């Protein structure tokens, strides 16, 4: 029986991660054969994403969560190192057999909005509706896998917009987020 090894890494704790210089390219740690966990420190001090790279079958890379550098882990959208390692392995292994997802990889909300934008462009419609939808959600929603996005999260996000937007404006923001769920 293959025993999982404990991974020792410079990405293991937030203190070590925050000592890394901000850079456009991620720092990669191999976590399994054909699977690597990446971390990118952003210069603007915003959310620093966890990234999975899979080279099993068709190669792909996706952001999938935010590192727990500035907020405590919630086990879903904000993950500590160990949680990120486990989820990255699961996503890579699931993506290998998932032929329905583009390039064999799961989509984030941000990439689903980009796909919707491309679809609008192809149909001669206004791309602004998709672009506007990407401006308002927090990074915790944008980097979340569409398959893990819950109605409760969308409702909380929508309810937070009611003070500053009209009902029509809220619909223009929310509809592209729902597009991946449409048939």
N, C-alpha and C. Protein backbone atom coordinates (compact mmCIF):
# COMPACT_ATOMS: atom_id res chain seq x y z
N UNK A 1 0.85 -1.18 0.00
CA UNK A 1 0.00 0.00 0.00
C UNK A 1 0.89 1.23 0.00
N UNK A 2 0.55 2.21 -0.86
CA UNK A 2 1.34 3.43 -0.99
C UNK A 2 0.93 4.40 0.10
N UNK A 3 1.88 4.81 0.91
CA UNK A 3 1.61 5.75 1.99
C UNK A 3 1.86 7.17 1.49
N UNK A 4 0.96 8.08 1.83
CA UNK A 4 1.15 9.48 1.46
C UNK A 4 2.27 10.05 2.32
N UNK A 5 3.16 10.80 1.67
CA UNK A 5 4.26 11.38 2.43
C UNK A 5 3.88 12.79 2.87
N UNK A 6 4.45 13.21 3.98
CA UNK A 6 4.24 14.59 4.41
C UNK A 6 5.16 15.48 3.60
N UNK A 7 4.63 16.52 3.06
CA UNK A 7 5.38 17.40 2.19
C UNK A 7 5.95 18.56 3.00
N UNK A 8 7.27 18.78 2.91
CA UNK A 8 7.92 19.91 3.56
C UNK A 8 8.21 20.92 2.47
N UNK A 9 7.80 22.15 2.66
CA UNK A 9 7.88 23.11 1.57
C UNK A 9 8.07 24.52 2.10
N UNK A 10 8.61 25.38 1.22
CA UNK A 10 8.70 26.80 1.56
C UNK A 10 7.33 27.47 1.50
N UNK A 11 6.34 26.75 0.99
CA UNK A 11 4.98 27.27 0.90
C UNK A 11 4.13 26.83 2.08
N UNK A 12 4.74 26.09 2.98
CA UNK A 12 4.00 25.42 4.05
C UNK A 12 3.27 26.35 5.02
N UNK A 13 3.83 27.51 5.31
CA UNK A 13 3.15 28.40 6.24
C UNK A 13 3.12 29.83 5.70
N UNK A 14 2.20 30.60 6.21
CA UNK A 14 1.98 31.95 5.67
C UNK A 14 3.17 32.87 5.89
N UNK A 15 3.90 32.70 6.98
CA UNK A 15 5.06 33.54 7.23
C UNK A 15 6.11 33.35 6.14
N UNK A 16 6.38 32.10 5.80
CA UNK A 16 7.35 31.82 4.74
C UNK A 16 6.85 32.32 3.39
N UNK A 17 5.56 32.14 3.11
CA UNK A 17 5.01 32.59 1.83
C UNK A 17 5.09 34.10 1.69
N UNK A 18 4.80 34.82 2.78
CA UNK A 18 4.81 36.28 2.71
C UNK A 18 6.22 36.85 2.61
N UNK A 19 7.24 36.03 2.88
CA UNK A 19 8.62 36.48 2.69
C UNK A 19 9.05 36.38 1.23
N UNK A 20 8.29 35.63 0.43
CA UNK A 20 8.60 35.53 -1.00
C UNK A 20 8.36 36.88 -1.67
N UNK A 21 9.21 37.20 -2.62
CA UNK A 21 9.05 38.45 -3.37
C UNK A 21 7.84 38.33 -4.29
N UNK A 22 7.05 39.40 -4.41
CA UNK A 22 5.95 39.37 -5.38
C UNK A 22 6.49 39.11 -6.78
N UNK A 23 5.81 38.27 -7.52
CA UNK A 23 6.30 37.89 -8.84
C UNK A 23 5.12 37.45 -9.70
N UNK A 24 5.24 37.65 -10.99
CA UNK A 24 4.17 37.26 -11.91
C UNK A 24 4.06 35.76 -12.09
N UNK A 25 5.16 35.04 -11.85
CA UNK A 25 5.14 33.58 -12.04
C UNK A 25 5.04 32.89 -10.68
N UNK A 26 4.31 31.78 -10.64
CA UNK A 26 4.17 31.07 -9.37
C UNK A 26 5.41 30.29 -8.96
N UNK A 27 5.49 30.02 -7.67
CA UNK A 27 6.48 29.10 -7.13
C UNK A 27 5.80 27.74 -7.13
N UNK A 28 6.46 26.72 -7.69
CA UNK A 28 5.83 25.40 -7.85
C UNK A 28 6.45 24.39 -6.90
N UNK A 29 5.63 23.51 -6.36
CA UNK A 29 6.02 22.39 -5.51
C UNK A 29 5.40 21.13 -6.08
N UNK A 30 6.21 20.14 -6.40
CA UNK A 30 5.68 18.86 -6.88
C UNK A 30 5.00 18.16 -5.70
N UNK A 31 3.75 17.75 -5.90
CA UNK A 31 3.02 17.10 -4.81
C UNK A 31 2.66 15.65 -5.14
N UNK A 32 2.77 15.29 -6.38
CA UNK A 32 2.54 13.91 -6.82
C UNK A 32 3.06 13.81 -8.25
N UNK A 33 3.14 12.59 -8.76
CA UNK A 33 3.62 12.43 -10.13
C UNK A 33 2.67 13.13 -11.10
N UNK A 34 3.20 14.11 -11.83
CA UNK A 34 2.40 14.84 -12.81
C UNK A 34 1.53 15.93 -12.22
N UNK A 35 1.65 16.21 -10.91
CA UNK A 35 0.82 17.22 -10.26
C UNK A 35 1.71 18.15 -9.44
N UNK A 36 1.52 19.46 -9.61
CA UNK A 36 2.28 20.44 -8.85
C UNK A 36 1.33 21.48 -8.27
N UNK A 37 1.67 21.94 -7.08
CA UNK A 37 0.92 23.00 -6.42
C UNK A 37 1.71 24.29 -6.60
N UNK A 38 1.03 25.33 -7.03
CA UNK A 38 1.69 26.62 -7.23
C UNK A 38 1.12 27.67 -6.31
N UNK A 39 1.95 28.67 -6.05
CA UNK A 39 1.55 29.81 -5.23
C UNK A 39 2.15 31.05 -5.86
N UNK A 40 1.33 32.08 -6.06
CA UNK A 40 1.84 33.32 -6.63
C UNK A 40 1.57 34.46 -5.68
N UNK A 41 2.63 35.13 -5.28
CA UNK A 41 2.51 36.30 -4.41
C UNK A 41 2.26 37.51 -5.28
N UNK A 42 1.14 38.17 -5.07
CA UNK A 42 0.77 39.34 -5.87
C UNK A 42 1.38 40.60 -5.29
N UNK A 43 1.79 41.51 -6.15
CA UNK A 43 2.44 42.75 -5.74
C UNK A 43 1.47 43.72 -5.08
N UNK A 44 0.19 43.64 -5.44
CA UNK A 44 -0.78 44.61 -4.91
C UNK A 44 -1.25 44.30 -3.49
N UNK A 45 -0.73 43.22 -2.90
CA UNK A 45 -1.12 42.86 -1.54
C UNK A 45 -2.49 42.22 -1.46
N UNK A 46 -3.07 41.90 -2.60
CA UNK A 46 -4.39 41.27 -2.63
C UNK A 46 -4.31 39.78 -2.35
N UNK A 47 -5.30 39.06 -2.78
CA UNK A 47 -5.37 37.63 -2.55
C UNK A 47 -4.31 36.90 -3.35
N UNK A 48 -3.60 36.02 -2.69
CA UNK A 48 -2.57 35.22 -3.34
C UNK A 48 -3.13 33.84 -3.64
N UNK A 49 -3.17 33.47 -4.93
CA UNK A 49 -3.87 32.23 -5.28
C UNK A 49 -3.04 30.96 -5.14
N UNK A 50 -3.75 29.87 -4.86
CA UNK A 50 -3.20 28.52 -5.01
C UNK A 50 -3.51 28.10 -6.44
N UNK A 51 -2.58 27.41 -7.06
CA UNK A 51 -2.70 27.02 -8.45
C UNK A 51 -2.35 25.54 -8.56
N UNK A 52 -3.05 24.81 -9.40
CA UNK A 52 -2.70 23.41 -9.65
C UNK A 52 -2.25 23.28 -11.10
N UNK A 53 -1.17 22.53 -11.29
CA UNK A 53 -0.68 22.22 -12.65
C UNK A 53 -0.68 20.72 -12.79
N UNK A 54 -1.33 20.26 -13.86
CA UNK A 54 -1.43 18.83 -14.10
C UNK A 54 -0.79 18.50 -15.44
N UNK A 55 0.09 17.50 -15.44
CA UNK A 55 0.72 17.05 -16.69
C UNK A 55 0.35 15.60 -16.97
N UNK A 56 -0.74 15.15 -16.39
CA UNK A 56 -1.24 13.80 -16.63
C UNK A 56 -2.20 13.91 -17.81
N UNK A 57 -1.88 13.24 -18.91
CA UNK A 57 -2.72 13.36 -20.11
C UNK A 57 -2.55 14.74 -20.72
N UNK A 58 -3.66 15.42 -20.95
CA UNK A 58 -3.59 16.77 -21.50
C UNK A 58 -3.19 17.74 -20.38
N UNK A 59 -2.19 18.57 -20.64
CA UNK A 59 -1.66 19.47 -19.61
C UNK A 59 -2.57 20.68 -19.41
N UNK A 60 -2.70 21.11 -18.14
CA UNK A 60 -3.49 22.29 -17.82
C UNK A 60 -3.04 22.89 -16.50
N UNK A 61 -3.40 24.16 -16.31
CA UNK A 61 -3.09 24.91 -15.08
C UNK A 61 -4.34 25.70 -14.72
N UNK A 62 -4.72 25.70 -13.43
CA UNK A 62 -5.87 26.47 -12.98
C UNK A 62 -5.65 27.01 -11.57
N UNK A 63 -6.11 28.26 -11.33
CA UNK A 63 -6.24 28.78 -9.97
C UNK A 63 -7.43 28.07 -9.36
N UNK A 64 -7.34 27.72 -8.08
CA UNK A 64 -8.50 27.04 -7.50
C UNK A 64 -8.90 27.55 -6.12
N UNK A 65 -8.08 28.35 -5.47
CA UNK A 65 -8.43 28.87 -4.15
C UNK A 65 -7.49 30.01 -3.82
N UNK A 66 -7.76 30.66 -2.69
CA UNK A 66 -6.92 31.74 -2.19
C UNK A 66 -6.14 31.19 -0.99
N UNK A 67 -4.87 31.57 -0.89
CA UNK A 67 -4.05 31.14 0.24
C UNK A 67 -4.50 31.88 1.51
N UNK A 68 -4.28 31.23 2.64
CA UNK A 68 -4.70 31.80 3.92
C UNK A 68 -3.68 32.80 4.48
N UNK A 69 -3.13 33.65 3.62
CA UNK A 69 -2.11 34.61 4.04
C UNK A 69 -2.68 35.72 4.93
N UNK A 70 -3.89 36.18 4.61
CA UNK A 70 -4.45 37.33 5.32
C UNK A 70 -5.76 37.00 6.05
N UNK A 71 -6.34 35.88 5.73
CA UNK A 71 -7.57 35.45 6.40
C UNK A 71 -7.41 33.99 6.80
N UNK A 72 -8.15 33.57 7.79
CA UNK A 72 -8.10 32.17 8.22
C UNK A 72 -8.78 31.29 7.18
N UNK A 73 -8.32 30.06 7.10
CA UNK A 73 -8.89 29.10 6.17
C UNK A 73 -10.36 28.85 6.50
N UNK A 74 -11.17 28.74 5.43
CA UNK A 74 -12.57 28.38 5.63
C UNK A 74 -12.86 26.99 5.05
N UNK A 75 -11.80 26.34 4.53
CA UNK A 75 -11.94 24.99 3.99
C UNK A 75 -12.54 24.91 2.60
N UNK A 76 -12.92 26.05 2.00
CA UNK A 76 -13.51 26.03 0.66
C UNK A 76 -12.81 27.00 -0.28
N UNK A 77 -12.93 28.29 0.00
CA UNK A 77 -12.35 29.28 -0.91
C UNK A 77 -11.00 29.79 -0.44
N UNK A 78 -10.76 29.73 0.87
CA UNK A 78 -9.49 30.13 1.46
C UNK A 78 -8.91 28.88 2.12
N UNK A 79 -7.71 28.47 1.64
CA UNK A 79 -7.15 27.20 2.10
C UNK A 79 -5.75 27.37 2.66
N UNK A 80 -5.44 26.58 3.69
CA UNK A 80 -4.05 26.52 4.16
C UNK A 80 -3.29 25.55 3.25
N UNK A 81 -2.00 25.40 3.49
CA UNK A 81 -1.16 24.60 2.61
C UNK A 81 -1.64 23.15 2.50
N UNK A 82 -1.89 22.51 3.63
CA UNK A 82 -2.31 21.10 3.60
C UNK A 82 -3.63 20.91 2.84
N UNK A 83 -4.58 21.81 3.09
CA UNK A 83 -5.86 21.72 2.38
C UNK A 83 -5.65 21.92 0.87
N UNK A 84 -4.77 22.86 0.52
CA UNK A 84 -4.49 23.13 -0.90
C UNK A 84 -3.84 21.91 -1.57
N UNK A 85 -2.93 21.25 -0.86
CA UNK A 85 -2.28 20.05 -1.41
C UNK A 85 -3.32 18.97 -1.70
N UNK A 86 -4.19 18.71 -0.73
CA UNK A 86 -5.20 17.66 -0.91
C UNK A 86 -6.17 18.00 -2.03
N UNK A 87 -6.65 19.25 -2.08
CA UNK A 87 -7.60 19.62 -3.12
C UNK A 87 -6.94 19.63 -4.49
N UNK A 88 -5.69 20.10 -4.58
CA UNK A 88 -4.98 20.10 -5.87
C UNK A 88 -4.84 18.67 -6.40
N UNK A 89 -4.49 17.73 -5.53
CA UNK A 89 -4.40 16.32 -5.95
C UNK A 89 -5.75 15.82 -6.45
N UNK A 90 -6.81 16.11 -5.69
CA UNK A 90 -8.15 15.66 -6.08
C UNK A 90 -8.58 16.26 -7.41
N UNK A 91 -8.33 17.56 -7.59
CA UNK A 91 -8.71 18.22 -8.84
C UNK A 91 -7.95 17.66 -10.03
N UNK A 92 -6.65 17.45 -9.85
CA UNK A 92 -5.84 16.92 -10.96
C UNK A 92 -6.29 15.51 -11.33
N UNK A 93 -6.55 14.71 -10.33
CA UNK A 93 -6.96 13.33 -10.62
C UNK A 93 -8.37 13.28 -11.19
N UNK A 94 -9.25 14.15 -10.73
CA UNK A 94 -10.61 14.21 -11.29
C UNK A 94 -10.57 14.78 -12.70
N UNK A 95 -9.73 15.78 -12.94
CA UNK A 95 -9.63 16.41 -14.24
C UNK A 95 -9.13 15.46 -15.30
N UNK A 96 -8.32 14.48 -14.91
CA UNK A 96 -7.78 13.51 -15.86
C UNK A 96 -8.89 12.72 -16.54
N UNK A 97 -9.96 12.44 -15.80
CA UNK A 97 -11.04 11.64 -16.34
C UNK A 97 -12.25 12.47 -16.77
N UNK A 98 -12.18 13.77 -16.58
CA UNK A 98 -13.32 14.63 -16.85
C UNK A 98 -13.24 15.18 -18.27
N UNK A 99 -13.83 14.50 -19.22
CA UNK A 99 -13.76 14.92 -20.62
C UNK A 99 -14.73 16.05 -20.94
N UNK A 100 -15.68 16.32 -20.07
CA UNK A 100 -16.65 17.37 -20.34
C UNK A 100 -16.06 18.76 -20.14
N UNK A 101 -15.07 18.90 -19.27
CA UNK A 101 -14.48 20.20 -18.99
C UNK A 101 -13.47 20.55 -20.07
N UNK A 102 -13.35 21.82 -20.43
CA UNK A 102 -12.39 22.21 -21.46
C UNK A 102 -10.98 21.82 -21.07
N UNK A 103 -10.25 21.28 -21.99
CA UNK A 103 -8.86 20.86 -21.81
C UNK A 103 -8.73 19.84 -20.68
N UNK A 104 -9.81 19.17 -20.32
CA UNK A 104 -9.74 18.16 -19.26
C UNK A 104 -9.60 18.73 -17.87
N UNK A 105 -9.84 20.03 -17.70
CA UNK A 105 -9.64 20.66 -16.40
C UNK A 105 -10.91 21.35 -15.92
N UNK A 106 -11.09 21.42 -14.61
CA UNK A 106 -12.25 22.12 -14.08
C UNK A 106 -12.14 23.63 -14.31
N UNK A 107 -13.27 24.32 -14.51
CA UNK A 107 -13.29 25.75 -14.74
C UNK A 107 -13.52 26.52 -13.46
N UNK A 108 -12.85 27.66 -13.33
CA UNK A 108 -13.14 28.59 -12.25
C UNK A 108 -14.25 29.52 -12.71
N UNK A 109 -14.83 30.25 -11.79
CA UNK A 109 -15.86 31.21 -12.14
C UNK A 109 -15.28 32.26 -13.10
N UNK A 110 -14.04 32.72 -12.84
CA UNK A 110 -13.41 33.72 -13.71
C UNK A 110 -13.25 33.19 -15.14
N UNK A 111 -12.81 31.94 -15.28
CA UNK A 111 -12.65 31.40 -16.64
C UNK A 111 -14.00 31.15 -17.30
N UNK A 112 -15.03 30.83 -16.52
CA UNK A 112 -16.37 30.65 -17.07
C UNK A 112 -16.90 31.99 -17.59
N UNK A 113 -16.61 33.08 -16.87
CA UNK A 113 -17.04 34.40 -17.32
C UNK A 113 -16.31 34.76 -18.61
N UNK A 114 -15.03 34.42 -18.71
CA UNK A 114 -14.27 34.68 -19.94
C UNK A 114 -14.86 33.89 -21.12
N UNK A 115 -15.26 32.65 -20.86
CA UNK A 115 -15.88 31.84 -21.91
C UNK A 115 -17.21 32.46 -22.34
N UNK A 116 -17.95 32.98 -21.39
CA UNK A 116 -19.22 33.65 -21.69
C UNK A 116 -18.97 34.91 -22.52
N UNK A 117 -17.91 35.64 -22.16
CA UNK A 117 -17.54 36.84 -22.92
C UNK A 117 -17.21 36.48 -24.38
N UNK A 118 -16.46 35.41 -24.57
CA UNK A 118 -16.12 34.95 -25.93
C UNK A 118 -17.38 34.53 -26.68
N UNK A 119 -18.32 33.91 -25.98
CA UNK A 119 -19.58 33.50 -26.61
C UNK A 119 -20.38 34.73 -27.04
N UNK A 120 -20.44 35.75 -26.19
CA UNK A 120 -21.14 36.98 -26.55
C UNK A 120 -20.50 37.62 -27.79
N UNK A 121 -19.17 37.65 -27.82
CA UNK A 121 -18.44 38.22 -28.95
C UNK A 121 -18.80 37.47 -30.23
N UNK A 122 -18.81 36.14 -30.15
CA UNK A 122 -19.09 35.31 -31.32
C UNK A 122 -20.51 35.52 -31.84
N UNK A 123 -21.43 35.84 -30.94
CA UNK A 123 -22.82 36.06 -31.34
C UNK A 123 -23.13 37.52 -31.64
N UNK A 124 -22.09 38.39 -31.60
CA UNK A 124 -22.29 39.80 -31.90
C UNK A 124 -23.00 40.56 -30.80
N UNK A 125 -22.94 40.08 -29.57
CA UNK A 125 -23.60 40.73 -28.44
C UNK A 125 -22.59 41.58 -27.67
N UNK A 126 -23.05 42.33 -26.69
CA UNK A 126 -22.20 43.22 -25.91
C UNK A 126 -21.37 42.43 -24.90
N UNK A 127 -20.05 42.49 -25.06
CA UNK A 127 -19.13 41.81 -24.15
C UNK A 127 -19.10 42.48 -22.77
N UNK A 128 -19.54 43.73 -22.73
CA UNK A 128 -19.50 44.48 -21.48
C UNK A 128 -20.24 43.75 -20.36
N UNK A 129 -21.33 43.09 -20.69
CA UNK A 129 -22.10 42.40 -19.66
C UNK A 129 -21.27 41.35 -18.94
N UNK A 130 -20.42 40.64 -19.66
CA UNK A 130 -19.55 39.65 -19.03
C UNK A 130 -18.40 40.34 -18.31
N UNK A 131 -17.84 41.38 -18.93
CA UNK A 131 -16.71 42.09 -18.32
C UNK A 131 -17.13 42.74 -17.00
N UNK A 132 -18.32 43.31 -16.95
CA UNK A 132 -18.81 43.94 -15.73
C UNK A 132 -18.99 42.92 -14.61
N UNK A 133 -19.38 41.72 -14.98
CA UNK A 133 -19.59 40.68 -13.97
C UNK A 133 -18.29 40.29 -13.29
N UNK A 134 -17.17 40.48 -13.96
CA UNK A 134 -15.88 40.11 -13.39
C UNK A 134 -15.33 41.18 -12.44
N UNK A 135 -15.89 42.38 -12.49
CA UNK A 135 -15.39 43.47 -11.65
C UNK A 135 -15.90 43.42 -10.21
N UNK A 136 -17.05 42.85 -9.98
CA UNK A 136 -17.71 42.95 -8.69
C UNK A 136 -17.49 41.80 -7.71
N UNK A 137 -17.45 40.54 -8.15
CA UNK A 137 -17.30 39.46 -7.17
C UNK A 137 -15.93 39.50 -6.49
N UNK A 138 -15.89 39.09 -5.23
CA UNK A 138 -14.61 39.02 -4.53
C UNK A 138 -13.75 37.89 -5.13
N UNK A 139 -12.42 37.95 -4.93
CA UNK A 139 -11.55 36.91 -5.45
C UNK A 139 -11.94 35.50 -4.98
N UNK A 140 -12.54 35.42 -3.80
CA UNK A 140 -12.93 34.10 -3.29
C UNK A 140 -13.98 33.44 -4.17
N UNK A 141 -14.81 34.24 -4.85
CA UNK A 141 -15.79 33.68 -5.79
C UNK A 141 -15.15 33.49 -7.16
N UNK A 142 -14.38 34.46 -7.62
CA UNK A 142 -13.79 34.37 -8.96
C UNK A 142 -12.86 33.17 -9.11
N UNK A 143 -12.10 32.83 -8.08
CA UNK A 143 -11.14 31.74 -8.21
C UNK A 143 -11.76 30.39 -7.83
N UNK A 144 -13.00 30.39 -7.42
CA UNK A 144 -13.66 29.15 -7.02
C UNK A 144 -14.05 28.33 -8.24
N UNK A 145 -13.96 27.03 -8.12
CA UNK A 145 -14.41 26.15 -9.19
C UNK A 145 -15.92 26.27 -9.32
N UNK A 146 -16.39 26.34 -10.54
CA UNK A 146 -17.83 26.47 -10.80
C UNK A 146 -18.57 25.33 -10.10
N UNK A 147 -18.01 24.15 -10.14
CA UNK A 147 -18.67 22.99 -9.53
C UNK A 147 -18.80 23.12 -8.01
N UNK A 148 -17.98 23.96 -7.38
CA UNK A 148 -18.03 24.11 -5.93
C UNK A 148 -18.77 25.38 -5.49
N UNK A 149 -19.24 26.19 -6.44
CA UNK A 149 -19.96 27.41 -6.12
C UNK A 149 -21.37 27.04 -5.66
N UNK A 150 -21.79 27.62 -4.56
CA UNK A 150 -23.10 27.28 -4.01
C UNK A 150 -24.09 28.42 -4.22
N UNK A 151 -25.36 28.07 -4.21
CA UNK A 151 -26.42 29.07 -4.32
C UNK A 151 -26.36 30.04 -3.15
N UNK A 152 -25.99 29.54 -1.98
CA UNK A 152 -25.88 30.38 -0.79
C UNK A 152 -24.83 31.47 -0.99
N UNK A 153 -23.69 31.12 -1.59
CA UNK A 153 -22.64 32.12 -1.85
C UNK A 153 -23.12 33.16 -2.85
N UNK A 154 -23.77 32.72 -3.92
CA UNK A 154 -24.28 33.66 -4.91
C UNK A 154 -25.35 34.59 -4.32
N UNK A 155 -26.20 34.04 -3.47
CA UNK A 155 -27.25 34.84 -2.85
C UNK A 155 -26.63 35.89 -1.93
N UNK A 156 -25.63 35.50 -1.14
CA UNK A 156 -24.97 36.46 -0.25
C UNK A 156 -24.28 37.56 -1.04
N UNK A 157 -23.65 37.20 -2.14
CA UNK A 157 -23.00 38.18 -3.01
C UNK A 157 -24.04 39.13 -3.60
N UNK A 158 -25.12 38.57 -4.12
CA UNK A 158 -26.20 39.38 -4.70
C UNK A 158 -26.79 40.34 -3.68
N UNK A 159 -27.05 39.84 -2.48
CA UNK A 159 -27.63 40.67 -1.44
C UNK A 159 -26.70 41.82 -1.04
N UNK A 160 -25.40 41.60 -1.16
CA UNK A 160 -24.44 42.66 -0.86
C UNK A 160 -24.43 43.78 -1.89
N UNK A 161 -24.98 43.52 -3.07
CA UNK A 161 -25.02 44.52 -4.14
C UNK A 161 -26.26 45.42 -4.07
N UNK A 162 -27.25 45.03 -3.29
CA UNK A 162 -28.54 45.76 -3.32
C UNK A 162 -28.42 47.20 -2.87
N UNK A 163 -27.48 47.54 -2.00
CA UNK A 163 -27.36 48.92 -1.53
C UNK A 163 -26.79 49.86 -2.59
N UNK A 164 -26.00 49.33 -3.51
CA UNK A 164 -25.30 50.20 -4.46
C UNK A 164 -25.71 50.01 -5.92
N UNK A 165 -26.64 49.10 -6.22
CA UNK A 165 -27.02 48.84 -7.60
C UNK A 165 -28.54 48.69 -7.74
N UNK A 166 -29.03 49.00 -8.92
CA UNK A 166 -30.45 48.79 -9.23
C UNK A 166 -30.67 47.29 -9.48
N UNK A 167 -31.92 46.91 -9.54
CA UNK A 167 -32.24 45.50 -9.81
C UNK A 167 -31.70 45.08 -11.18
N UNK A 168 -31.83 45.96 -12.19
CA UNK A 168 -31.32 45.63 -13.52
C UNK A 168 -29.79 45.50 -13.51
N UNK A 169 -29.13 46.38 -12.77
CA UNK A 169 -27.67 46.30 -12.66
C UNK A 169 -27.22 45.02 -11.99
N UNK A 170 -27.94 44.62 -10.95
CA UNK A 170 -27.62 43.36 -10.26
C UNK A 170 -27.79 42.18 -11.21
N UNK A 171 -28.85 42.20 -12.02
CA UNK A 171 -29.05 41.12 -12.99
C UNK A 171 -27.90 41.04 -13.99
N UNK A 172 -27.40 42.21 -14.45
CA UNK A 172 -26.29 42.21 -15.40
C UNK A 172 -25.01 41.65 -14.77
N UNK A 173 -24.87 41.82 -13.48
CA UNK A 173 -23.69 41.29 -12.79
C UNK A 173 -23.84 39.80 -12.50
N UNK A 174 -25.01 39.40 -12.05
CA UNK A 174 -25.23 38.02 -11.61
C UNK A 174 -25.42 37.04 -12.78
N UNK A 175 -26.12 37.43 -13.83
CA UNK A 175 -26.42 36.49 -14.93
C UNK A 175 -25.19 35.81 -15.53
N UNK A 176 -24.10 36.53 -15.79
CA UNK A 176 -22.92 35.81 -16.31
C UNK A 176 -22.34 34.80 -15.32
N UNK A 177 -22.56 35.03 -14.03
CA UNK A 177 -22.09 34.05 -13.04
C UNK A 177 -22.94 32.79 -13.10
N UNK A 178 -24.19 32.94 -13.52
CA UNK A 178 -25.08 31.79 -13.61
C UNK A 178 -24.98 31.07 -14.96
N UNK A 179 -24.40 31.72 -15.96
CA UNK A 179 -24.30 31.17 -17.31
C UNK A 179 -23.71 29.76 -17.34
N UNK A 180 -22.64 29.45 -16.55
CA UNK A 180 -22.10 28.09 -16.61
C UNK A 180 -23.12 27.03 -16.18
N UNK A 181 -24.16 27.42 -15.43
CA UNK A 181 -25.15 26.45 -14.97
C UNK A 181 -26.27 26.26 -15.98
N UNK A 182 -26.32 27.14 -17.00
CA UNK A 182 -27.38 27.05 -18.01
C UNK A 182 -27.17 25.84 -18.91
N UNK A 183 -28.27 25.34 -19.42
CA UNK A 183 -28.20 24.19 -20.32
C UNK A 183 -28.06 24.67 -21.74
